[in-house]
Amino acid sequence: MHYTLRKPHTIKCAIMASALALFFIFNLASFHALADFVLEDGYTVSTVIDGHKLRMNPHSVLPRSGSSDLVVLDSANSVFYTISFPPSQESVVRLLSGDGVRGYLDGKLSSARFNKPRSFAIDLKGNVYVADFNNGRTIRKISDSGVTTIAGGYSEKAGHADGPAQNASFSDDLEISFIPELCALLISDHGNQLVRHISLKAEDCARGSNAAMGAVSTWLLGLGLSCLLGLIVGIAVRPYIIPNRKAPGPSF
């Protein structure tokens, strides 16, 4: 039996040819992958909040209606914060709700507990609604008076039951949105492939702050008083016209 030994330069050439072929194939695939990539100019990325310095892990951020604050959800630590606007490294950070311990506890803002929620929404009054699916698939509300549960949580297992809040059930995968035109929350119930609807209180959907409404009322009252005063003054100073009484003609 005879064996043919290739020369070293022949082996080297074969390796280089294979490498070039692989390089060509890789670049061809990359070209096709980026063929539909269109970069639009004019945008810049900057960091405005550093969670390492603030000791938080921002999961999502939303503006809070009726205030100049942003609401930040730190899902990993089950805590909500407010950050002064505009956001920067010098922004003031305040605890909104949660004590940093996972759990399920309604009541005072500072002592309430959540269980790693990942989705929340804010109404026009500034109330925060939380899809706290790890706590029995509940929808909870953060207001100035504290934390409450508004739907779910009474069933011990996942479901898709509609009806009164205490009887409703959800899946383990939820996202929540506030729709002002409906005065309602819409729940993307991924696990059930459903969109659920929760009607809110009318006062939580009223556009405009109390201060703005008070200013408008004051303006309207002032305008009404000015018109009334002008009418009274106009009547008081108008010229007095003597009635034209036709003199009796001569009698014949």
C-alpha atoms as a PDB file:
ATOM      1  CA  MET A   1       0.000   0.000   0.000  1.00  0.00           C
ATOM      2  CA  HIS A   2       1.362   3.380  -0.988  1.00  0.00           C
ATOM      3  CA  TYR A   3       0.648   6.713   0.734  1.00  0.00           C
ATOM      4  CA  THR A   4       1.031  10.027  -0.995  1.00  0.00           C
ATOM      5  CA  LEU A   5       2.325  12.769   1.278  1.00  0.00           C
ATOM      6  CA  ARG A   6       1.385  16.307   0.314  1.00  0.00           C
ATOM      7  CA  LYS A   7       4.035  18.946   0.471  1.00  0.00           C
ATOM      8  CA  PRO A   8       3.749  21.584   3.236  1.00  0.00           C
ATOM      9  CA  HIS A   9       3.200  24.436   0.776  1.00  0.00           C
ATOM     10  CA  THR A  10       0.335  22.502  -0.835  1.00  0.00           C
ATOM     11  CA  ILE A  11      -1.389  22.091   2.534  1.00  0.00           C
ATOM     12  CA  LYS A  12      -0.840  25.778   3.318  1.00  0.00           C
ATOM     13  CA  CYS A  13      -2.390  26.827   0.020  1.00  0.00           C
ATOM     14  CA  ALA A  14      -5.413  24.622   0.644  1.00  0.00           C
ATOM     15  CA  ILE A  15      -5.939  26.170   4.092  1.00  0.00           C
ATOM     16  CA  MET A  16      -5.658  29.688   2.685  1.00  0.00           C
ATOM     17  CA  ALA A  17      -8.114  28.876  -0.082  1.00  0.00           C
ATOM     18  CA  SER A  18     -10.611  27.517   2.434  1.00  0.00           C
ATOM     19  CA  ALA A  19     -10.215  30.605   4.615  1.00  0.00           C
ATOM     20  CA  LEU A  20     -10.758  32.912   1.645  1.00  0.00           C
ATOM     21  CA  ALA A  21     -13.847  30.963   0.644  1.00  0.00           C
ATOM     22  CA  LEU A  22     -15.284  31.230   4.161  1.00  0.00           C
ATOM     23  CA  PHE A  23     -14.467  34.946   4.262  1.00  0.00           C
ATOM     24  CA  PHE A  24     -16.230  35.486   0.933  1.00  0.00           C
ATOM     25  CA  ILE A  25     -19.305  33.526   2.062  1.00  0.00           C
ATOM     26  CA  PHE A  26     -19.462  35.445   5.383  1.00  0.00           C
ATOM     27  CA  ASN A  27     -19.251  38.838   3.672  1.00  0.00           C
ATOM     28  CA  LEU A  28     -21.837  37.830   1.097  1.00  0.00           C
ATOM     29  CA  ALA A  29     -24.240  36.768   3.864  1.00  0.00           C
ATOM     30  CA  SER A  30     -23.590  39.994   5.781  1.00  0.00           C
ATOM     31  CA  PHE A  31     -24.271  42.043   2.667  1.00  0.00           C
ATOM     32  CA  HIS A  32     -27.625  40.372   2.166  1.00  0.00           C
ATOM     33  CA  ALA A  33     -28.481  40.758   5.872  1.00  0.00           C
ATOM     34  CA  LEU A  34     -27.787  44.510   5.753  1.00  0.00           C
ATOM     35  CA  ALA A  35     -29.293  45.085   2.323  1.00  0.00           C
ATOM     36  CA  ASP A  36     -32.507  46.460   3.905  1.00  0.00           C
ATOM     37  CA  PHE A  37     -30.711  48.507   6.597  1.00  0.00           C
ATOM     38  CA  VAL A  38     -31.368  52.249   6.177  1.00  0.00           C
ATOM     39  CA  LEU A  39     -29.764  54.637   8.673  1.00  0.00           C
ATOM     40  CA  GLU A  40     -31.568  57.944   9.151  1.00  0.00           C
ATOM     41  CA  ASP A  41     -29.273  60.768  10.229  1.00  0.00           C
ATOM     42  CA  GLY A  42     -29.976  63.471  12.795  1.00  0.00           C
ATOM     43  CA  TYR A  43     -30.338  61.460  16.007  1.00  0.00           C
ATOM     44  CA  THR A  44     -28.060  61.371  19.056  1.00  0.00           C
ATOM     45  CA  VAL A  45     -28.006  59.026  22.040  1.00  0.00           C
ATOM     46  CA  SER A  46     -27.037  60.251  25.512  1.00  0.00           C
ATOM     47  CA  THR A  47     -27.308  58.875  29.043  1.00  0.00           C
ATOM     48  CA  VAL A  48     -29.496  60.934  31.387  1.00  0.00           C
ATOM     49  CA  ILE A  49     -29.989  58.506  34.296  1.00  0.00           C
ATOM     50  CA  ASP A  50     -27.250  56.240  35.638  1.00  0.00           C
ATOM     51  CA  GLY A  51     -28.822  53.506  37.738  1.00  0.00           C
ATOM     52  CA  HIS A  52     -25.438  52.529  39.169  1.00  0.00           C
ATOM     53  CA  LYS A  53     -25.032  55.939  40.795  1.00  0.00           C
ATOM     54  CA  LEU A  54     -28.659  56.130  41.931  1.00  0.00           C
ATOM     55  CA  ARG A  55     -28.708  52.514  43.122  1.00  0.00           C
ATOM     56  CA  MET A  56     -31.681  51.579  40.995  1.00  0.00           C
ATOM     57  CA  ASN A  57     -32.343  49.368  37.990  1.00  0.00           C
ATOM     58  CA  PRO A  58     -34.718  51.283  35.668  1.00  0.00           C
ATOM     59  CA  HIS A  59     -37.045  48.896  33.856  1.00  0.00           C
ATOM     60  CA  SER A  60     -39.493  51.399  32.326  1.00  0.00           C
ATOM     61  CA  VAL A  61     -40.218  55.133  32.510  1.00  0.00           C
ATOM     62  CA  LEU A  62     -43.430  57.114  31.946  1.00  0.00           C
ATOM     63  CA  PRO A  63     -44.385  60.805  32.383  1.00  0.00           C
ATOM     64  CA  ARG A  64     -46.774  61.514  35.247  1.00  0.00           C
ATOM     65  CA  SER A  65     -49.787  63.628  34.308  1.00  0.00           C
ATOM     66  CA  GLY A  66     -50.470  66.640  36.484  1.00  0.00           C
ATOM     67  CA  SER A  67     -46.846  66.988  37.607  1.00  0.00           C
ATOM     68  CA  SER A  68     -43.368  67.626  36.259  1.00  0.00           C
ATOM     69  CA  ASP A  69     -42.086  64.216  37.366  1.00  0.00           C
ATOM     70  CA  LEU A  70     -41.312  60.968  35.622  1.00  0.00           C
ATOM     71  CA  VAL A  71     -42.269  57.641  37.187  1.00  0.00           C
ATOM     72  CA  VAL A  72     -39.559  54.975  37.074  1.00  0.00           C
ATOM     73  CA  LEU A  73     -40.233  51.303  37.733  1.00  0.00           C
ATOM     74  CA  ASP A  74     -37.360  49.366  39.288  1.00  0.00           C
ATOM     75  CA  SER A  75     -38.755  45.905  38.620  1.00  0.00           C
ATOM     76  CA  ALA A  76     -35.800  43.997  40.049  1.00  0.00           C
ATOM     77  CA  ASN A  77     -36.272  45.669  43.436  1.00  0.00           C
ATOM     78  CA  SER A  78     -40.097  45.954  43.256  1.00  0.00           C
ATOM     79  CA  VAL A  79     -39.996  49.741  43.791  1.00  0.00           C
ATOM     80  CA  PHE A  80     -41.414  52.825  42.041  1.00  0.00           C
ATOM     81  CA  TYR A  81     -39.555  56.159  42.020  1.00  0.00           C
ATOM     82  CA  THR A  82     -40.278  59.672  40.769  1.00  0.00           C
ATOM     83  CA  ILE A  83     -37.561  61.657  39.013  1.00  0.00           C
ATOM     84  CA  SER A  84     -37.714  65.400  38.430  1.00  0.00           C
ATOM     85  CA  PHE A  85     -38.018  66.560  34.836  1.00  0.00           C
ATOM     86  CA  PRO A  86     -36.039  67.024  32.662  1.00  0.00           C
ATOM     87  CA  PRO A  87     -34.103  63.864  33.558  1.00  0.00           C
ATOM     88  CA  SER A  88     -30.394  64.328  34.184  1.00  0.00           C
ATOM     89  CA  GLN A  89     -27.669  63.092  36.495  1.00  0.00           C
ATOM     90  CA  GLU A  90     -28.665  65.917  38.878  1.00  0.00           C
ATOM     91  CA  SER A  91     -32.378  65.039  38.903  1.00  0.00           C
ATOM     92  CA  VAL A  92     -34.078  64.673  42.273  1.00  0.00           C
ATOM     93  CA  VAL A  93     -35.090  61.054  42.920  1.00  0.00           C
ATOM     94  CA  ARG A  94     -37.864  60.262  45.400  1.00  0.00           C
ATOM     95  CA  LEU A  95     -39.421  56.993  46.483  1.00  0.00           C
ATOM     96  CA  LEU A  96     -43.010  56.734  45.245  1.00  0.00           C
ATOM     97  CA  SER A  97     -44.012  53.325  46.580  1.00  0.00           C
ATOM     98  CA  GLY A  98     -42.517  50.031  47.683  1.00  0.00           C
ATOM     99  CA  ASP A  99     -40.122  49.079  50.450  1.00  0.00           C
ATOM    100  CA  GLY A 100     -37.700  47.070  48.300  1.00  0.00           C
ATOM    101  CA  VAL A 101     -38.944  43.686  49.518  1.00  0.00           C
ATOM    102  CA  ARG A 102     -40.899  41.385  47.229  1.00  0.00           C
ATOM    103  CA  GLY A 103     -44.386  40.656  48.488  1.00  0.00           C
ATOM    104  CA  TYR A 104     -48.053  41.569  48.349  1.00  0.00           C
ATOM    105  CA  LEU A 105     -49.122  44.343  50.689  1.00  0.00           C
ATOM    106  CA  ASP A 106     -51.574  47.183  50.063  1.00  0.00           C
ATOM    107  CA  GLY A 107     -51.844  50.288  52.240  1.00  0.00           C
ATOM    108  CA  LYS A 108     -49.308  53.048  52.852  1.00  0.00           C
ATOM    109  CA  LEU A 109     -47.104  54.083  49.955  1.00  0.00           C
ATOM    110  CA  SER A 110     -43.834  53.562  51.802  1.00  0.00           C
ATOM    111  CA  SER A 111     -44.664  50.113  53.185  1.00  0.00           C
ATOM    112  CA  ALA A 112     -46.544  48.645  50.199  1.00  0.00           C
ATOM    113  CA  ARG A 113     -44.987  45.646  48.500  1.00  0.00           C
ATOM    114  CA  PHE A 114     -44.907  44.474  44.901  1.00  0.00           C
ATOM    115  CA  ASN A 115     -43.485  41.377  43.250  1.00  0.00           C
ATOM    116  CA  LYS A 116     -41.282  42.358  40.328  1.00  0.00           C
ATOM    117  CA  PRO A 117     -43.963  44.010  38.151  1.00  0.00           C
ATOM    118  CA  ARG A 118     -42.922  44.784  34.594  1.00  0.00           C
ATOM    119  CA  SER A 119     -45.743  46.970  33.256  1.00  0.00           C
ATOM    120  CA  PHE A 120     -47.584  50.057  34.510  1.00  0.00           C
ATOM    121  CA  ALA A 121     -49.736  52.935  33.227  1.00  0.00           C
ATOM    122  CA  ILE A 122     -50.662  56.424  34.478  1.00  0.00           C
ATOM    123  CA  ASP A 123     -54.036  58.181  34.201  1.00  0.00           C
ATOM    124  CA  LEU A 124     -54.670  61.910  33.758  1.00  0.00           C
ATOM    125  CA  LYS A 125     -54.829  62.468  37.510  1.00  0.00           C
ATOM    126  CA  GLY A 126     -51.409  60.897  38.059  1.00  0.00           C
ATOM    127  CA  ASN A 127     -52.587  57.590  39.531  1.00  0.00           C
ATOM    128  CA  VAL A 128     -50.329  54.654  38.676  1.00  0.00           C
ATOM    129  CA  TYR A 129     -51.815  51.280  37.679  1.00  0.00           C
ATOM    130  CA  VAL A 130     -49.591  48.228  38.044  1.00  0.00           C
ATOM    131  CA  ALA A 131     -49.848  44.844  36.342  1.00  0.00           C
ATOM    132  CA  ASP A 132     -48.498  42.844  39.285  1.00  0.00           C
ATOM    133  CA  PHE A 133     -48.905  39.399  37.733  1.00  0.00           C
ATOM    134  CA  ASN A 134     -46.481  37.700  40.130  1.00  0.00           C
ATOM    135  CA  ASN A 135     -48.876  38.567  42.960  1.00  0.00           C
ATOM    136  CA  GLY A 136     -51.787  36.422  41.910  1.00  0.00           C
ATOM    137  CA  ARG A 137     -52.188  38.222  38.577  1.00  0.00           C
ATOM    138  CA  THR A 138     -53.527  41.460  40.070  1.00  0.00           C
ATOM    139  CA  ILE A 139     -54.077  45.005  38.815  1.00  0.00           C
ATOM    140  CA  ARG A 140     -53.108  47.469  41.542  1.00  0.00           C
ATOM    141  CA  LYS A 141     -53.400  51.237  41.925  1.00  0.00           C
ATOM    142  CA  ILE A 142     -50.947  53.734  43.429  1.00  0.00           C
ATOM    143  CA  SER A 143     -52.610  57.024  44.413  1.00  0.00           C
ATOM    144  CA  ASP A 144     -51.822  59.802  46.882  1.00  0.00           C
ATOM    145  CA  SER A 145     -53.831  57.957  49.528  1.00  0.00           C
ATOM    146  CA  GLY A 146     -51.975  54.652  49.186  1.00  0.00           C
ATOM    147  CA  VAL A 147     -51.916  51.357  47.284  1.00  0.00           C
ATOM    148  CA  THR A 148     -55.031  49.299  46.547  1.00  0.00           C
ATOM    149  CA  THR A 149     -56.011  46.303  44.421  1.00  0.00           C
ATOM    150  CA  ILE A 150     -58.648  47.035  41.773  1.00  0.00           C
ATOM    151  CA  ALA A 151     -58.892  43.701  39.924  1.00  0.00           C
ATOM    152  CA  GLY A 152     -57.824  40.090  40.229  1.00  0.00           C
ATOM    153  CA  GLY A 153     -55.978  38.416  43.052  1.00  0.00           C
ATOM    154  CA  TYR A 154     -58.919  36.501  44.496  1.00  0.00           C
ATOM    155  CA  SER A 155     -58.491  33.464  42.258  1.00  0.00           C
ATOM    156  CA  GLU A 156     -55.644  31.149  43.186  1.00  0.00           C
ATOM    157  CA  LYS A 157     -54.951  30.167  39.583  1.00  0.00           C
ATOM    158  CA  ALA A 158     -54.707  31.791  36.172  1.00  0.00           C
ATOM    159  CA  GLY A 159     -57.845  32.268  34.107  1.00  0.00           C
ATOM    160  CA  HIS A 160     -59.776  34.568  31.815  1.00  0.00           C
ATOM    161  CA  ALA A 161     -62.959  35.267  33.777  1.00  0.00           C
ATOM    162  CA  ASP A 162     -64.647  38.629  33.217  1.00  0.00           C
ATOM    163  CA  GLY A 163     -67.084  40.350  35.564  1.00  0.00           C
ATOM    164  CA  PRO A 164     -66.739  42.249  38.847  1.00  0.00           C
ATOM    165  CA  ALA A 165     -63.153  43.033  39.767  1.00  0.00           C
ATOM    166  CA  GLN A 166     -63.007  40.546  42.629  1.00  0.00           C
ATOM    167  CA  ASN A 167     -64.075  37.717  40.303  1.00  0.00           C
ATOM    168  CA  ALA A 168     -61.853  38.572  37.333  1.00  0.00           C
ATOM    169  CA  SER A 169     -58.825  36.450  36.528  1.00  0.00           C
ATOM    170  CA  PHE A 170     -55.843  36.906  34.230  1.00  0.00           C
ATOM    171  CA  SER A 171     -52.912  34.956  32.846  1.00  0.00           C
ATOM    172  CA  ASP A 172     -49.321  35.148  34.077  1.00  0.00           C
ATOM    173  CA  ASP A 173     -48.230  37.476  31.259  1.00  0.00           C
ATOM    174  CA  LEU A 174     -49.791  40.960  31.295  1.00  0.00           C
ATOM    175  CA  GLU A 175     -49.142  44.435  29.931  1.00  0.00           C
ATOM    176  CA  ILE A 176     -51.245  47.467  30.811  1.00  0.00           C
ATOM    177  CA  SER A 177     -52.088  50.714  28.986  1.00  0.00           C
ATOM    178  CA  PHE A 178     -54.227  53.750  29.837  1.00  0.00           C
ATOM    179  CA  ILE A 179     -56.558  54.968  27.061  1.00  0.00           C
ATOM    180  CA  PRO A 180     -57.906  58.448  27.976  1.00  0.00           C
ATOM    181  CA  GLU A 181     -60.496  58.465  25.181  1.00  0.00           C
ATOM    182  CA  LEU A 182     -62.113  55.384  26.738  1.00  0.00           C
ATOM    183  CA  CYS A 183     -61.422  56.384  30.349  1.00  0.00           C
ATOM    184  CA  ALA A 184     -60.209  52.837  30.752  1.00  0.00           C
ATOM    185  CA  LEU A 185     -57.275  50.501  31.132  1.00  0.00           C
ATOM    186  CA  LEU A 186     -56.605  48.003  28.371  1.00  0.00           C
ATOM    187  CA  ILE A 187     -54.855  44.825  29.487  1.00  0.00           C
ATOM    188  CA  SER A 188     -52.852  42.824  26.962  1.00  0.00           C
ATOM    189  CA  ASP A 189     -53.468  39.367  28.424  1.00  0.00           C
ATOM    190  CA  HIS A 190     -50.786  37.545  26.439  1.00  0.00           C
ATOM    191  CA  GLY A 191     -51.262  34.189  28.097  1.00  0.00           C
ATOM    192  CA  ASN A 192     -54.940  34.143  27.127  1.00  0.00           C
ATOM    193  CA  GLN A 193     -54.496  35.913  23.766  1.00  0.00           C
ATOM    194  CA  LEU A 194     -57.012  38.529  24.911  1.00  0.00           C
ATOM    195  CA  VAL A 195     -57.323  42.284  25.344  1.00  0.00           C
ATOM    196  CA  ARG A 196     -59.193  43.079  28.559  1.00  0.00           C
ATOM    197  CA  HIS A 197     -60.983  46.319  29.516  1.00  0.00           C
ATOM    198  CA  ILE A 198     -61.279  47.982  32.942  1.00  0.00           C
ATOM    199  CA  SER A 199     -63.378  51.155  33.189  1.00  0.00           C
ATOM    200  CA  LEU A 200     -61.973  53.870  35.449  1.00  0.00           C
ATOM    201  CA  LYS A 201     -63.624  56.580  37.513  1.00  0.00           C
ATOM    202  CA  ALA A 202     -64.631  59.688  35.577  1.00  0.00           C
ATOM    203  CA  GLU A 203     -62.629  62.043  37.803  1.00  0.00           C
ATOM    204  CA  ASP A 204     -59.427  60.177  36.937  1.00  0.00           C
ATOM    205  CA  CYS A 205     -59.955  60.870  33.235  1.00  0.00           C
ATOM    206  CA  ALA A 206     -60.840  64.582  33.398  1.00  0.00           C
ATOM    207  CA  ARG A 207     -58.469  66.629  31.288  1.00  0.00           C
ATOM    208  CA  GLY A 208     -56.825  69.623  32.911  1.00  0.00           C
ATOM    209  CA  SER A 209     -55.666  70.120  36.472  1.00  0.00           C
ATOM    210  CA  ASN A 210     -57.691  71.559  39.325  1.00  0.00           C
ATOM    211  CA  ALA A 211     -55.509  74.657  39.243  1.00  0.00           C
ATOM    212  CA  ALA A 212     -56.255  75.208  35.568  1.00  0.00           C
ATOM    213  CA  MET A 213     -59.975  74.751  36.148  1.00  0.00           C
ATOM    214  CA  GLY A 214     -59.828  77.236  39.015  1.00  0.00           C
ATOM    215  CA  ALA A 215     -58.055  79.786  36.847  1.00  0.00           C
ATOM    216  CA  VAL A 216     -60.661  79.433  34.104  1.00  0.00           C
ATOM    217  CA  SER A 217     -63.503  79.809  36.630  1.00  0.00           C
ATOM    218  CA  THR A 218     -61.918  82.945  38.087  1.00  0.00           C
ATOM    219  CA  TRP A 219     -61.487  84.433  34.618  1.00  0.00           C
ATOM    220  CA  LEU A 220     -65.101  83.752  33.691  1.00  0.00           C
ATOM    221  CA  LEU A 221     -66.331  85.244  36.980  1.00  0.00           C
ATOM    222  CA  GLY A 222     -64.259  88.368  36.431  1.00  0.00           C
ATOM    223  CA  LEU A 223     -65.546  88.727  32.891  1.00  0.00           C
ATOM    224  CA  GLY A 224     -69.145  88.408  34.077  1.00  0.00           C
ATOM    225  CA  LEU A 225     -68.700  91.024  36.815  1.00  0.00           C
ATOM    226  CA  SER A 226     -67.051  93.417  34.358  1.00  0.00           C
ATOM    227  CA  CYS A 227     -69.955  93.098  31.935  1.00  0.00           C
ATOM    228  CA  LEU A 228     -72.489  93.630  34.728  1.00  0.00           C
ATOM    229  CA  LEU A 229     -70.656  96.696  36.051  1.00  0.00           C
ATOM    230  CA  GLY A 230     -70.420  98.170  32.563  1.00  0.00           C
ATOM    231  CA  LEU A 231     -74.139  97.685  32.049  1.00  0.00           C
ATOM    232  CA  ILE A 232     -74.996  99.410  35.350  1.00  0.00           C
ATOM    233  CA  VAL A 233     -72.689 102.355  34.660  1.00  0.00           C
ATOM    234  CA  GLY A 234     -74.054 102.698  31.147  1.00  0.00           C
ATOM    235  CA  ILE A 235     -77.608 102.934  32.427  1.00  0.00           C
ATOM    236  CA  ALA A 236     -76.653 105.431  35.150  1.00  0.00           C
ATOM    237  CA  VAL A 237     -74.864 107.942  32.919  1.00  0.00           C
ATOM    238  CA  ARG A 238     -76.891 107.739  29.743  1.00  0.00           C
ATOM    239  CA  PRO A 239     -78.431 111.099  28.641  1.00  0.00           C
ATOM    240  CA  TYR A 240     -81.890 111.836  29.928  1.00  0.00           C
ATOM    241  CA  ILE A 241     -84.180 112.518  26.999  1.00  0.00           C
ATOM    242  CA  ILE A 242     -87.307 114.580  27.615  1.00  0.00           C
ATOM    243  CA  PRO A 243     -90.267 112.948  25.983  1.00  0.00           C
ATOM    244  CA  ASN A 244     -91.458 114.821  22.928  1.00  0.00           C
ATOM    245  CA  ARG A 245     -95.003 115.708  23.760  1.00  0.00           C
ATOM    246  CA  LYS A 246     -96.760 117.173  20.792  1.00  0.00           C
ATOM    247  CA  ALA A 247     -98.222 120.582  21.687  1.00  0.00           C
ATOM    248  CA  PRO A 248    -101.911 120.865  21.036  1.00  0.00           C
ATOM    249  CA  GLY A 249    -102.694 122.772  17.882  1.00  0.00           C
ATOM    250  CA  PRO A 250    -104.866 125.900  17.816  1.00  0.00           C
ATOM    251  CA  SER A 251    -108.501 125.240  18.074  1.00  0.00           C
ATOM    252  CA  PHE A 252    -110.860 126.912  15.661  1.00  0.00           C
END
